Amino acid sequence: MTDTDLNTKFHELMELPCSFPFKIVGDASDTLADRVVAVVQKHVPGDYAPSTKISSKGTYSSITIRVTVQSKEQIESLYIELAAIEGVKRVL
């Protein structure tokens, strides 16, 4: 298994290409959404308007962004790179 092969079944469960939502949870930061968009732009250039929610205590941010993905490998690469963003705790 390579470092970008997560052994997922996305290609079996969905028709590609499709609009795929990524939810990124991380430390509250004014720049988290911009950093998420920058990673997505490297893989799927486009015009993105992610939604942002702040936790009740203001500790965490949740960014949701919809991306039109073309392949299982593209989804896996996005999961890996989004998770590598500084301050990110989870990618769902």
PDB file of N, CA and C in Angstrom:
ATOM      1  N   MET A   1       0.856  -1.179   0.000  1.00  0.00           N
ATOM      2  CA  MET A   1       0.000   0.000   0.000  1.00  0.00           C
ATOM      3  C   MET A   1       0.894   1.231   0.000  1.00  0.00           C
ATOM      4  N   THR A   2       0.636   2.151  -0.931  1.00  0.00           N
ATOM      5  CA  THR A   2       1.409   3.385  -0.970  1.00  0.00           C
ATOM      6  C   THR A   2       0.863   4.361   0.063  1.00  0.00           C
ATOM      7  N   ASP A   3       1.586   5.457   0.273  1.00  0.00           N
ATOM      8  CA  ASP A   3       1.136   6.417   1.277  1.00  0.00           C
ATOM      9  C   ASP A   3      -0.127   7.160   0.852  1.00  0.00           C
ATOM     10  N   THR A   4      -0.516   7.077  -0.432  1.00  0.00           N
ATOM     11  CA  THR A   4      -1.754   7.715  -0.855  1.00  0.00           C
ATOM     12  C   THR A   4      -2.853   6.695  -1.128  1.00  0.00           C
ATOM     13  N   ASP A   5      -2.628   5.445  -0.813  1.00  0.00           N
ATOM     14  CA  ASP A   5      -3.630   4.408  -1.021  1.00  0.00           C
ATOM     15  C   ASP A   5      -4.237   4.048   0.332  1.00  0.00           C
ATOM     16  N   LEU A   6      -5.442   4.535   0.572  1.00  0.00           N
ATOM     17  CA  LEU A   6      -6.108   4.293   1.849  1.00  0.00           C
ATOM     18  C   LEU A   6      -6.969   3.041   1.805  1.00  0.00           C
ATOM     19  N   ASN A   7      -6.982   2.363   0.638  1.00  0.00           N
ATOM     20  CA  ASN A   7      -7.752   1.129   0.481  1.00  0.00           C
ATOM     21  C   ASN A   7      -9.241   1.351   0.744  1.00  0.00           C
ATOM     22  N   THR A   8      -9.763   2.471   0.253  1.00  0.00           N
ATOM     23  CA  THR A   8     -11.176   2.787   0.432  1.00  0.00           C
ATOM     24  C   THR A   8     -12.008   2.139  -0.667  1.00  0.00           C
ATOM     25  N   LYS A   9     -13.309   2.199  -0.513  1.00  0.00           N
ATOM     26  CA  LYS A   9     -14.236   1.612  -1.483  1.00  0.00           C
ATOM     27  C   LYS A   9     -15.082   2.687  -2.161  1.00  0.00           C
ATOM     28  N   PHE A  10     -14.600   3.945  -2.171  1.00  0.00           N
ATOM     29  CA  PHE A  10     -15.374   5.032  -2.753  1.00  0.00           C
ATOM     30  C   PHE A  10     -15.837   4.705  -4.170  1.00  0.00           C
ATOM     31  N   HIS A  11     -14.929   4.145  -4.970  1.00  0.00           N
ATOM     32  CA  HIS A  11     -15.249   3.862  -6.370  1.00  0.00           C
ATOM     33  C   HIS A  11     -16.344   2.809  -6.507  1.00  0.00           C
ATOM     34  N   GLU A  12     -16.540   1.994  -5.490  1.00  0.00           N
ATOM     35  CA  GLU A  12     -17.591   0.972  -5.524  1.00  0.00           C
ATOM     36  C   GLU A  12     -18.918   1.520  -5.001  1.00  0.00           C
ATOM     37  N   LEU A  13     -18.866   2.552  -4.178  1.00  0.00           N
ATOM     38  CA  LEU A  13     -20.054   3.053  -3.501  1.00  0.00           C
ATOM     39  C   LEU A  13     -20.701   4.258  -4.161  1.00  0.00           C
ATOM     40  N   MET A  14     -19.996   4.899  -5.078  1.00  0.00           N
ATOM     41  CA  MET A  14     -20.539   6.116  -5.675  1.00  0.00           C
ATOM     42  C   MET A  14     -20.141   6.206  -7.139  1.00  0.00           C
ATOM     43  N   GLU A  15     -20.947   6.955  -7.874  1.00  0.00           N
ATOM     44  CA  GLU A  15     -20.618   7.227  -9.267  1.00  0.00           C
ATOM     45  C   GLU A  15     -19.719   8.449  -9.307  1.00  0.00           C
ATOM     46  N   LEU A  16     -18.604   8.309 -10.000  1.00  0.00           N
ATOM     47  CA  LEU A  16     -17.671   9.423 -10.125  1.00  0.00           C
ATOM     48  C   LEU A  16     -17.701   9.915 -11.565  1.00  0.00           C
ATOM     49  N   PRO A  17     -17.545  11.192 -11.830  1.00  0.00           N
ATOM     50  CA  PRO A  17     -17.338  12.266 -10.855  1.00  0.00           C
ATOM     51  C   PRO A  17     -18.612  12.588 -10.079  1.00  0.00           C
ATOM     52  N   CYS A  18     -18.419  13.188  -8.903  1.00  0.00           N
ATOM     53  CA  CYS A  18     -19.558  13.600  -8.089  1.00  0.00           C
ATOM     54  C   CYS A  18     -19.140  14.725  -7.144  1.00  0.00           C
ATOM     55  N   SER A  19     -20.147  15.395  -6.606  1.00  0.00           N
ATOM     56  CA  SER A  19     -19.907  16.433  -5.612  1.00  0.00           C
ATOM     57  C   SER A  19     -19.748  15.744  -4.264  1.00  0.00           C
ATOM     58  N   PHE A  20     -18.614  15.969  -3.620  1.00  0.00           N
ATOM     59  CA  PHE A  20     -18.272  15.244  -2.394  1.00  0.00           C
ATOM     60  C   PHE A  20     -18.014  16.254  -1.277  1.00  0.00           C
ATOM     61  N   PRO A  21     -18.709  16.125  -0.139  1.00  0.00           N
ATOM     62  CA  PRO A  21     -18.474  17.067   0.959  1.00  0.00           C
ATOM     63  C   PRO A  21     -17.325  16.609   1.862  1.00  0.00           C
ATOM     64  N   PHE A  22     -16.428  17.514   2.142  1.00  0.00           N
ATOM     65  CA  PHE A  22     -15.373  17.269   3.133  1.00  0.00           C
ATOM     66  C   PHE A  22     -15.674  18.173   4.322  1.00  0.00           C
ATOM     67  N   LYS A  23     -15.607  17.614   5.524  1.00  0.00           N
ATOM     68  CA  LYS A  23     -15.788  18.409   6.740  1.00  0.00           C
ATOM     69  C   LYS A  23     -14.470  18.344   7.498  1.00  0.00           C
ATOM     70  N   ILE A  24     -13.896  19.503   7.756  1.00  0.00           N
ATOM     71  CA  ILE A  24     -12.599  19.592   8.416  1.00  0.00           C
ATOM     72  C   ILE A  24     -12.810  20.246   9.771  1.00  0.00           C
ATOM     73  N   VAL A  25     -12.383  19.581  10.827  1.00  0.00           N
ATOM     74  CA  VAL A  25     -12.497  20.109  12.181  1.00  0.00           C
ATOM     75  C   VAL A  25     -11.092  20.412  12.680  1.00  0.00           C
ATOM     76  N   GLY A  26     -10.910  21.635  13.153  1.00  0.00           N
ATOM     77  CA  GLY A  26      -9.590  22.019  13.629  1.00  0.00           C
ATOM     78  C   GLY A  26      -9.664  23.098  14.683  1.00  0.00           C
ATOM     79  N   ASP A  27      -8.491  23.472  15.168  1.00  0.00           N
ATOM     80  CA  ASP A  27      -8.411  24.560  16.136  1.00  0.00           C
ATOM     81  C   ASP A  27      -8.995  25.821  15.505  1.00  0.00           C
ATOM     82  N   ALA A  28      -9.723  26.604  16.296  1.00  0.00           N
ATOM     83  CA  ALA A  28     -10.318  27.842  15.793  1.00  0.00           C
ATOM     84  C   ALA A  28      -9.210  28.751  15.270  1.00  0.00           C
ATOM     85  N   SER A  29      -9.385  29.209  14.035  1.00  0.00           N
ATOM     86  CA  SER A  29      -8.386  30.057  13.403  1.00  0.00           C
ATOM     87  C   SER A  29      -9.054  30.856  12.292  1.00  0.00           C
ATOM     88  N   ASP A  30      -8.672  32.114  12.173  1.00  0.00           N
ATOM     89  CA  ASP A  30      -9.216  32.955  11.113  1.00  0.00           C
ATOM     90  C   ASP A  30      -8.749  32.498   9.734  1.00  0.00           C
ATOM     91  N   THR A  31      -7.685  31.701   9.676  1.00  0.00           N
ATOM     92  CA  THR A  31      -7.115  31.307   8.386  1.00  0.00           C
ATOM     93  C   THR A  31      -7.396  29.851   8.006  1.00  0.00           C
ATOM     94  N   LEU A  32      -8.079  29.101   8.858  1.00  0.00           N
ATOM     95  CA  LEU A  32      -8.290  27.678   8.564  1.00  0.00           C
ATOM     96  C   LEU A  32      -9.045  27.481   7.249  1.00  0.00           C
ATOM     97  N   ALA A  33     -10.121  28.213   7.022  1.00  0.00           N
ATOM     98  CA  ALA A  33     -10.888  28.056   5.780  1.00  0.00           C
ATOM     99  C   ALA A  33     -10.018  28.366   4.565  1.00  0.00           C
ATOM    100  N   ASP A  34      -9.190  29.395   4.652  1.00  0.00           N
ATOM    101  CA  ASP A  34      -8.307  29.746   3.534  1.00  0.00           C
ATOM    102  C   ASP A  34      -7.295  28.635   3.267  1.00  0.00           C
ATOM    103  N   ARG A  35      -6.777  28.035   4.318  1.00  0.00           N
ATOM    104  CA  ARG A  35      -5.807  26.949   4.143  1.00  0.00           C
ATOM    105  C   ARG A  35      -6.471  25.714   3.546  1.00  0.00           C
ATOM    106  N   VAL A  36      -7.720  25.447   3.938  1.00  0.00           N
ATOM    107  CA  VAL A  36      -8.476  24.332   3.364  1.00  0.00           C
ATOM    108  C   VAL A  36      -8.684  24.567   1.870  1.00  0.00           C
ATOM    109  N   VAL A  37      -9.127  25.768   1.508  1.00  0.00           N
ATOM    110  CA  VAL A  37      -9.358  26.087   0.097  1.00  0.00           C
ATOM    111  C   VAL A  37      -8.052  25.978  -0.696  1.00  0.00           C
ATOM    112  N   ALA A  38      -6.940  26.409  -0.135  1.00  0.00           N
ATOM    113  CA  ALA A  38      -5.655  26.339  -0.835  1.00  0.00           C
ATOM    114  C   ALA A  38      -5.296  24.888  -1.174  1.00  0.00           C
ATOM    115  N   VAL A  39      -5.529  23.963  -0.247  1.00  0.00           N
ATOM    116  CA  VAL A  39      -5.251  22.542  -0.503  1.00  0.00           C
ATOM    117  C   VAL A  39      -6.182  22.024  -1.595  1.00  0.00           C
ATOM    118  N   VAL A  40      -7.462  22.334  -1.492  1.00  0.00           N
ATOM    119  CA  VAL A  40      -8.429  21.864  -2.490  1.00  0.00           C
ATOM    120  C   VAL A  40      -8.079  22.419  -3.863  1.00  0.00           C
ATOM    121  N   GLN A  41      -7.686  23.679  -3.934  1.00  0.00           N
ATOM    122  CA  GLN A  41      -7.345  24.313  -5.212  1.00  0.00           C
ATOM    123  C   GLN A  41      -6.214  23.585  -5.930  1.00  0.00           C
ATOM    124  N   LYS A  42      -5.265  23.018  -5.174  1.00  0.00           N
ATOM    125  CA  LYS A  42      -4.161  22.273  -5.792  1.00  0.00           C
ATOM    126  C   LYS A  42      -4.665  21.058  -6.553  1.00  0.00           C
ATOM    127  N   HIS A  43      -5.743  20.450  -6.081  1.00  0.00           N
ATOM    128  CA  HIS A  43      -6.266  19.218  -6.678  1.00  0.00           C
ATOM    129  C   HIS A  43      -7.412  19.485  -7.652  1.00  0.00           C
ATOM    130  N   VAL A  44      -8.296  20.403  -7.278  1.00  0.00           N
ATOM    131  CA  VAL A  44      -9.494  20.687  -8.071  1.00  0.00           C
ATOM    132  C   VAL A  44      -9.700  22.201  -8.093  1.00  0.00           C
ATOM    133  N   PRO A  45      -9.022  22.898  -9.018  1.00  0.00           N
ATOM    134  CA  PRO A  45      -9.185  24.343  -9.082  1.00  0.00           C
ATOM    135  C   PRO A  45     -10.652  24.714  -9.303  1.00  0.00           C
ATOM    136  N   GLY A  46     -11.082  25.757  -8.615  1.00  0.00           N
ATOM    137  CA  GLY A  46     -12.468  26.180  -8.753  1.00  0.00           C
ATOM    138  C   GLY A  46     -12.777  27.336  -7.834  1.00  0.00           C
ATOM    139  N   ASP A  47     -14.033  27.703  -7.827  1.00  0.00           N
ATOM    140  CA  ASP A  47     -14.511  28.810  -6.995  1.00  0.00           C
ATOM    141  C   ASP A  47     -15.234  28.202  -5.797  1.00  0.00           C
ATOM    142  N   TYR A  48     -14.639  28.265  -4.633  1.00  0.00           N
ATOM    143  CA  TYR A  48     -15.187  27.609  -3.450  1.00  0.00           C
ATOM    144  C   TYR A  48     -15.665  28.615  -2.416  1.00  0.00           C
ATOM    145  N   ALA A  49     -16.788  28.275  -1.772  1.00  0.00           N
ATOM    146  CA  ALA A  49     -17.332  29.087  -0.683  1.00  0.00           C
ATOM    147  C   ALA A  49     -17.636  28.144   0.478  1.00  0.00           C
ATOM    148  N   PRO A  50     -16.596  27.741   1.216  1.00  0.00           N
ATOM    149  CA  PRO A  50     -16.825  26.804   2.319  1.00  0.00           C
ATOM    150  C   PRO A  50     -17.647  27.451   3.426  1.00  0.00           C
ATOM    151  N   SER A  51     -18.402  26.622   4.127  1.00  0.00           N
ATOM    152  CA  SER A  51     -19.143  27.137   5.287  1.00  0.00           C
ATOM    153  C   SER A  51     -18.319  26.865   6.540  1.00  0.00           C
ATOM    154  N   THR A  52     -18.401  27.787   7.484  1.00  0.00           N
ATOM    155  CA  THR A  52     -17.622  27.697   8.714  1.00  0.00           C
ATOM    156  C   THR A  52     -18.549  27.781   9.909  1.00  0.00           C
ATOM    157  N   LYS A  53     -18.330  26.891  10.867  1.00  0.00           N
ATOM    158  CA  LYS A  53     -19.052  26.955  12.139  1.00  0.00           C
ATOM    159  C   LYS A  53     -18.011  26.925  13.250  1.00  0.00           C
ATOM    160  N   ILE A  54     -18.250  27.719  14.271  1.00  0.00           N
ATOM    161  CA  ILE A  54     -17.359  27.781  15.432  1.00  0.00           C
ATOM    162  C   ILE A  54     -18.037  27.023  16.574  1.00  0.00           C
ATOM    163  N   SER A  55     -17.251  26.258  17.328  1.00  0.00           N
ATOM    164  CA  SER A  55     -17.821  25.515  18.457  1.00  0.00           C
ATOM    165  C   SER A  55     -18.372  26.483  19.498  1.00  0.00           C
ATOM    166  N   SER A  56     -19.231  25.971  20.363  1.00  0.00           N
ATOM    167  CA  SER A  56     -19.906  26.825  21.346  1.00  0.00           C
ATOM    168  C   SER A  56     -18.928  27.559  22.256  1.00  0.00           C
ATOM    169  N   LYS A  57     -17.792  26.941  22.559  1.00  0.00           N
ATOM    170  CA  LYS A  57     -16.795  27.600  23.411  1.00  0.00           C
ATOM    171  C   LYS A  57     -15.762  28.381  22.598  1.00  0.00           C
ATOM    172  N   GLY A  58     -15.876  28.312  21.263  1.00  0.00           N
ATOM    173  CA  GLY A  58     -14.941  29.048  20.410  1.00  0.00           C
ATOM    174  C   GLY A  58     -13.583  28.398  20.274  1.00  0.00           C
ATOM    175  N   THR A  59     -13.466  27.144  20.658  1.00  0.00           N
ATOM    176  CA  THR A  59     -12.187  26.436  20.626  1.00  0.00           C
ATOM    177  C   THR A  59     -11.886  25.838  19.261  1.00  0.00           C
ATOM    178  N   TYR A  60     -12.928  25.368  18.580  1.00  0.00           N
ATOM    179  CA  TYR A  60     -12.751  24.662  17.312  1.00  0.00           C
ATOM    180  C   TYR A  60     -13.568  25.295  16.200  1.00  0.00           C
ATOM    181  N   SER A  61     -13.090  25.098  14.979  1.00  0.00           N
ATOM    182  CA  SER A  61     -13.817  25.493  13.779  1.00  0.00           C
ATOM    183  C   SER A  61     -14.140  24.244  12.981  1.00  0.00           C
ATOM    184  N   SER A  62     -15.274  24.271  12.324  1.00  0.00           N
ATOM    185  CA  SER A  62     -15.674  23.205  11.420  1.00  0.00           C
ATOM    186  C   SER A  62     -15.870  23.836  10.047  1.00  0.00           C
ATOM    187  N   ILE A  63     -15.142  23.363   9.069  1.00  0.00           N
ATOM    188  CA  ILE A  63     -15.211  23.880   7.709  1.00  0.00           C
ATOM    189  C   ILE A  63     -15.811  22.787   6.834  1.00  0.00           C
ATOM    190  N   THR A  64     -16.868  23.106   6.098  1.00  0.00           N
ATOM    191  CA  THR A  64     -17.437  22.156   5.154  1.00  0.00           C
ATOM    192  C   THR A  64     -17.257  22.723   3.751  1.00  0.00           C
ATOM    193  N   ILE A  65     -16.697  21.890   2.865  1.00  0.00           N
ATOM    194  CA  ILE A  65     -16.445  22.308   1.492  1.00  0.00           C
ATOM    195  C   ILE A  65     -16.846  21.173   0.560  1.00  0.00           C
ATOM    196  N   ARG A  66     -17.591  21.515  -0.492  1.00  0.00           N
ATOM    197  CA  ARG A  66     -18.013  20.525  -1.482  1.00  0.00           C
ATOM    198  C   ARG A  66     -17.075  20.597  -2.678  1.00  0.00           C
ATOM    199  N   VAL A  67     -16.572  19.433  -3.093  1.00  0.00           N
ATOM    200  CA  VAL A  67     -15.602  19.352  -4.176  1.00  0.00           C
ATOM    201  C   VAL A  67     -16.110  18.352  -5.209  1.00  0.00           C
ATOM    202  N   THR A  68     -16.036  18.696  -6.487  1.00  0.00           N
ATOM    203  CA  THR A  68     -16.383  17.737  -7.532  1.00  0.00           C
ATOM    204  C   THR A  68     -15.155  16.876  -7.785  1.00  0.00           C
ATOM    205  N   VAL A  69     -15.218  15.664  -7.290  1.00  0.00           N
ATOM    206  CA  VAL A  69     -14.078  14.744  -7.379  1.00  0.00           C
ATOM    207  C   VAL A  69     -14.244  13.833  -8.589  1.00  0.00           C
ATOM    208  N   GLN A  70     -13.105  13.439  -9.144  1.00  0.00           N
ATOM    209  CA  GLN A  70     -13.086  12.638 -10.360  1.00  0.00           C
ATOM    210  C   GLN A  70     -12.732  11.170 -10.113  1.00  0.00           C
ATOM    211  N   SER A  71     -12.050  10.892  -8.991  1.00  0.00           N
ATOM    212  CA  SER A  71     -11.560   9.526  -8.776  1.00  0.00           C
ATOM    213  C   SER A  71     -11.396   9.223  -7.289  1.00  0.00           C
ATOM    214  N   LYS A  72     -11.327   7.948  -7.007  1.00  0.00           N
ATOM    215  CA  LYS A  72     -11.050   7.463  -5.652  1.00  0.00           C
ATOM    216  C   LYS A  72      -9.721   8.033  -5.159  1.00  0.00           C
ATOM    217  N   GLU A  73      -8.713   8.041  -6.032  1.00  0.00           N
ATOM    218  CA  GLU A  73      -7.387   8.530  -5.657  1.00  0.00           C
ATOM    219  C   GLU A  73      -7.422  10.011  -5.287  1.00  0.00           C
ATOM    220  N   GLN A  74      -8.251  10.771  -5.995  1.00  0.00           N
ATOM    221  CA  GLN A  74      -8.376  12.198  -5.698  1.00  0.00           C
ATOM    222  C   GLN A  74      -9.000  12.412  -4.317  1.00  0.00           C
ATOM    223  N   ILE A  75     -10.018  11.635  -3.993  1.00  0.00           N
ATOM    224  CA  ILE A  75     -10.645  11.727  -2.672  1.00  0.00           C
ATOM    225  C   ILE A  75      -9.630  11.392  -1.585  1.00  0.00           C
ATOM    226  N   GLU A  76      -8.887  10.297  -1.783  1.00  0.00           N
ATOM    227  CA  GLU A  76      -7.904   9.873  -0.784  1.00  0.00           C
ATOM    228  C   GLU A  76      -6.805  10.922  -0.607  1.00  0.00           C
ATOM    229  N   SER A  77      -6.316  11.483  -1.711  1.00  0.00           N
ATOM    230  CA  SER A  77      -5.275  12.515  -1.626  1.00  0.00           C
ATOM    231  C   SER A  77      -5.774  13.734  -0.861  1.00  0.00           C
ATOM    232  N   LEU A  78      -7.021  14.120  -1.119  1.00  0.00           N
ATOM    233  CA  LEU A  78      -7.579  15.264  -0.398  1.00  0.00           C
ATOM    234  C   LEU A  78      -7.693  14.962   1.093  1.00  0.00           C
ATOM    235  N   TYR A  79      -8.160  13.769   1.463  1.00  0.00           N
ATOM    236  CA  TYR A  79      -8.225  13.412   2.883  1.00  0.00           C
ATOM    237  C   TYR A  79      -6.841  13.534   3.528  1.00  0.00           C
ATOM    238  N   ILE A  80      -5.821  13.008   2.880  1.00  0.00           N
ATOM    239  CA  ILE A  80      -4.466  13.018   3.437  1.00  0.00           C
ATOM    240  C   ILE A  80      -3.940  14.438   3.575  1.00  0.00           C
ATOM    241  N   GLU A  81      -4.081  15.242   2.519  1.00  0.00           N
ATOM    242  CA  GLU A  81      -3.527  16.597   2.564  1.00  0.00           C
ATOM    243  C   GLU A  81      -4.320  17.532   3.474  1.00  0.00           C
ATOM    244  N   LEU A  82      -5.636  17.369   3.520  1.00  0.00           N
ATOM    245  CA  LEU A  82      -6.438  18.189   4.431  1.00  0.00           C
ATOM    246  C   LEU A  82      -6.087  17.852   5.885  1.00  0.00           C
ATOM    247  N   ALA A  83      -5.870  16.573   6.170  1.00  0.00           N
ATOM    248  CA  ALA A  83      -5.515  16.162   7.535  1.00  0.00           C
ATOM    249  C   ALA A  83      -4.142  16.687   7.951  1.00  0.00           C
ATOM    250  N   ALA A  84      -3.294  16.987   6.970  1.00  0.00           N
ATOM    251  CA  ALA A  84      -1.927  17.459   7.265  1.00  0.00           C
ATOM    252  C   ALA A  84      -1.864  18.958   7.539  1.00  0.00           C
ATOM    253  N   ILE A  85      -2.962  19.677   7.347  1.00  0.00           N
ATOM    254  CA  ILE A  85      -2.982  21.112   7.620  1.00  0.00           C
ATOM    255  C   ILE A  85      -2.767  21.329   9.119  1.00  0.00           C
ATOM    256  N   GLU A  86      -1.896  22.284   9.432  1.00  0.00           N
ATOM    257  CA  GLU A  86      -1.610  22.584  10.835  1.00  0.00           C
ATOM    258  C   GLU A  86      -2.885  22.952  11.581  1.00  0.00           C
ATOM    259  N   GLY A  87      -3.118  22.309  12.728  1.00  0.00           N
ATOM    260  CA  GLY A  87      -4.277  22.595  13.560  1.00  0.00           C
ATOM    261  C   GLY A  87      -5.484  21.734  13.274  1.00  0.00           C
ATOM    262  N   VAL A  88      -5.458  20.970  12.178  1.00  0.00           N
ATOM    263  CA  VAL A  88      -6.602  20.122  11.834  1.00  0.00           C
ATOM    264  C   VAL A  88      -6.610  18.886  12.743  1.00  0.00           C
ATOM    265  N   LYS A  89      -7.783  18.602  13.294  1.00  0.00           N
ATOM    266  CA  LYS A  89      -7.951  17.448  14.191  1.00  0.00           C
ATOM    267  C   LYS A  89      -8.589  16.257  13.491  1.00  0.00           C
ATOM    268  N   ARG A  90      -9.563  16.520  12.594  1.00  0.00           N
ATOM    269  CA  ARG A  90     -10.287  15.456  11.896  1.00  0.00           C
ATOM    270  C   ARG A  90     -10.716  15.924  10.518  1.00  0.00           C
ATOM    271  N   VAL A  91     -10.754  14.972   9.584  1.00  0.00           N
ATOM    272  CA  VAL A  91     -11.347  15.212   8.275  1.00  0.00           C
ATOM    273  C   VAL A  91     -12.405  14.137   8.098  1.00  0.00           C
ATOM    274  N   LEU A  92     -13.625  14.565   7.896  1.00  0.00           N
ATOM    275  CA  LEU A  92     -14.754  13.639   7.770  1.00  0.00           C
ATOM    276  C   LEU A  92     -15.331  13.708   6.366  1.00  0.00           C
TER     277      LEU A  92
END
